[in-house]
Amino acid sequence: MAKKAVATLQTGNAGRNHSKCIKMVKSPKTGAYIFQEEIVPNEKVNEYFK
């Protein structure tokens, strides 16, 4: 049997207004690098990486 498609939370172009940004940050506790992920609006991407 085929599975039915499940409704998504995105409507129209709502998903295109945001981007997933991944930044590598050094942990203050261990000194190891960790990856910090965040979903930000497209207009704020450059500010996130500064």
N, C-alpha and C. Protein backbone atom coordinates (compact mmCIF):
# COMPACT_ATOMS: atom_id res chain seq x y z
N MET A 1 0.83 -1.19 0.00
CA MET A 1 0.00 0.00 0.00
C MET A 1 0.87 1.25 0.00
N ALA A 2 0.43 2.24 -0.71
CA ALA A 2 1.17 3.50 -0.77
C ALA A 2 0.83 4.36 0.43
N LYS A 3 1.81 5.08 0.89
CA LYS A 3 1.60 5.99 2.02
C LYS A 3 1.05 7.31 1.51
N LYS A 4 0.19 7.93 2.31
CA LYS A 4 -0.34 9.23 1.95
C LYS A 4 0.69 10.31 2.27
N ALA A 5 0.67 11.37 1.51
CA ALA A 5 1.55 12.50 1.78
C ALA A 5 1.07 13.23 3.02
N VAL A 6 2.00 13.61 3.87
CA VAL A 6 1.65 14.31 5.10
C VAL A 6 1.77 15.80 4.87
N ALA A 7 0.85 16.55 5.41
CA ALA A 7 0.87 18.00 5.26
C ALA A 7 2.10 18.58 5.93
N THR A 8 2.71 19.57 5.29
CA THR A 8 3.90 20.20 5.85
C THR A 8 3.52 21.49 6.56
N LEU A 9 4.43 21.99 7.36
CA LEU A 9 4.17 23.23 8.09
C LEU A 9 4.38 24.46 7.22
N GLN A 10 5.10 24.31 6.11
CA GLN A 10 5.35 25.44 5.25
C GLN A 10 4.15 25.68 4.34
N THR A 11 3.81 26.94 4.17
CA THR A 11 2.74 27.30 3.24
C THR A 11 3.30 28.29 2.24
N GLY A 12 3.21 27.98 0.98
CA GLY A 12 3.68 28.88 -0.06
C GLY A 12 5.18 29.05 -0.02
N ASN A 13 5.64 30.29 0.02
CA ASN A 13 7.07 30.60 0.01
C ASN A 13 7.61 30.87 1.41
N ALA A 14 6.92 30.46 2.43
CA ALA A 14 7.35 30.75 3.80
C ALA A 14 8.71 30.13 4.10
N GLY A 15 9.02 28.98 3.54
CA GLY A 15 10.28 28.32 3.81
C GLY A 15 11.45 28.97 3.12
N ARG A 16 11.20 29.76 2.11
CA ARG A 16 12.27 30.40 1.36
C ARG A 16 12.71 31.71 2.01
N ASN A 17 12.03 32.15 3.03
CA ASN A 17 12.39 33.39 3.70
C ASN A 17 13.43 33.18 4.79
N HIS A 18 13.75 31.92 5.11
CA HIS A 18 14.68 31.61 6.17
C HIS A 18 15.77 30.67 5.64
N SER A 19 16.93 30.73 6.30
CA SER A 19 18.05 29.86 5.93
C SER A 19 18.60 29.20 7.18
N LYS A 20 19.09 27.98 7.03
CA LYS A 20 19.73 27.28 8.14
C LYS A 20 21.21 27.60 8.09
N CYS A 21 21.72 28.21 9.15
CA CYS A 21 23.12 28.60 9.22
C CYS A 21 23.84 27.72 10.22
N ILE A 22 25.01 27.26 9.85
CA ILE A 22 25.83 26.43 10.71
C ILE A 22 27.16 27.15 10.93
N LYS A 23 27.47 27.42 12.20
CA LYS A 23 28.68 28.16 12.55
C LYS A 23 29.54 27.29 13.46
N MET A 24 30.85 27.28 13.22
CA MET A 24 31.78 26.52 14.06
C MET A 24 32.28 27.44 15.17
N VAL A 25 32.07 27.02 16.43
CA VAL A 25 32.41 27.84 17.58
C VAL A 25 33.29 27.03 18.53
N LYS A 26 34.27 27.68 19.12
CA LYS A 26 35.14 27.00 20.07
C LYS A 26 34.49 27.01 21.45
N SER A 27 34.38 25.83 22.07
CA SER A 27 33.73 25.69 23.36
C SER A 27 34.63 26.28 24.45
N PRO A 28 34.08 27.13 25.33
CA PRO A 28 34.90 27.71 26.39
C PRO A 28 35.30 26.68 27.46
N LYS A 29 34.51 25.63 27.64
CA LYS A 29 34.80 24.62 28.67
C LYS A 29 35.93 23.68 28.27
N THR A 30 35.79 23.05 27.09
CA THR A 30 36.73 22.01 26.69
C THR A 30 37.76 22.49 25.68
N GLY A 31 37.49 23.57 24.99
CA GLY A 31 38.40 24.04 23.96
C GLY A 31 38.18 23.37 22.63
N ALA A 32 37.26 22.41 22.56
CA ALA A 32 36.96 21.72 21.31
C ALA A 32 35.99 22.56 20.48
N TYR A 33 36.00 22.35 19.20
CA TYR A 33 35.09 23.06 18.32
C TYR A 33 33.75 22.34 18.26
N ILE A 34 32.67 23.12 18.30
CA ILE A 34 31.32 22.58 18.19
C ILE A 34 30.60 23.32 17.06
N PHE A 35 29.59 22.71 16.53
CA PHE A 35 28.80 23.32 15.47
C PHE A 35 27.50 23.86 16.06
N GLN A 36 27.24 25.14 15.81
CA GLN A 36 26.04 25.79 16.30
C GLN A 36 25.12 26.04 15.11
N GLU A 37 23.92 25.46 15.16
CA GLU A 37 22.96 25.58 14.06
C GLU A 37 21.82 26.48 14.47
N GLU A 38 21.36 27.30 13.54
CA GLU A 38 20.24 28.19 13.82
C GLU A 38 19.54 28.53 12.50
N ILE A 39 18.24 28.70 12.56
CA ILE A 39 17.47 29.11 11.40
C ILE A 39 17.19 30.60 11.54
N VAL A 40 17.69 31.37 10.58
CA VAL A 40 17.58 32.83 10.64
C VAL A 40 16.93 33.34 9.36
N PRO A 41 16.30 34.52 9.41
CA PRO A 41 15.75 35.12 8.19
C PRO A 41 16.88 35.46 7.21
N ASN A 42 16.59 35.45 5.92
CA ASN A 42 17.61 35.70 4.91
C ASN A 42 18.28 37.06 5.06
N GLU A 43 17.57 38.05 5.57
CA GLU A 43 18.14 39.38 5.72
C GLU A 43 19.18 39.43 6.84
N LYS A 44 19.13 38.51 7.78
CA LYS A 44 20.00 38.55 8.97
C LYS A 44 21.16 37.55 8.89
N VAL A 45 21.38 36.92 7.74
CA VAL A 45 22.41 35.89 7.61
C VAL A 45 23.80 36.49 7.85
N ASN A 46 24.10 37.63 7.23
CA ASN A 46 25.42 38.23 7.40
C ASN A 46 25.66 38.66 8.83
N GLU A 47 24.65 39.15 9.52
CA GLU A 47 24.78 39.55 10.92
C GLU A 47 25.06 38.35 11.80
N TYR A 48 24.49 37.19 11.48
CA TYR A 48 24.67 35.99 12.28
C TYR A 48 26.14 35.54 12.28
N PHE A 49 26.82 35.68 11.14
CA PHE A 49 28.19 35.21 11.04
C PHE A 49 29.22 36.23 11.52
N LYS A 50 28.81 37.44 11.85
CA LYS A 50 29.76 38.44 12.37
C LYS A 50 29.99 38.28 13.84
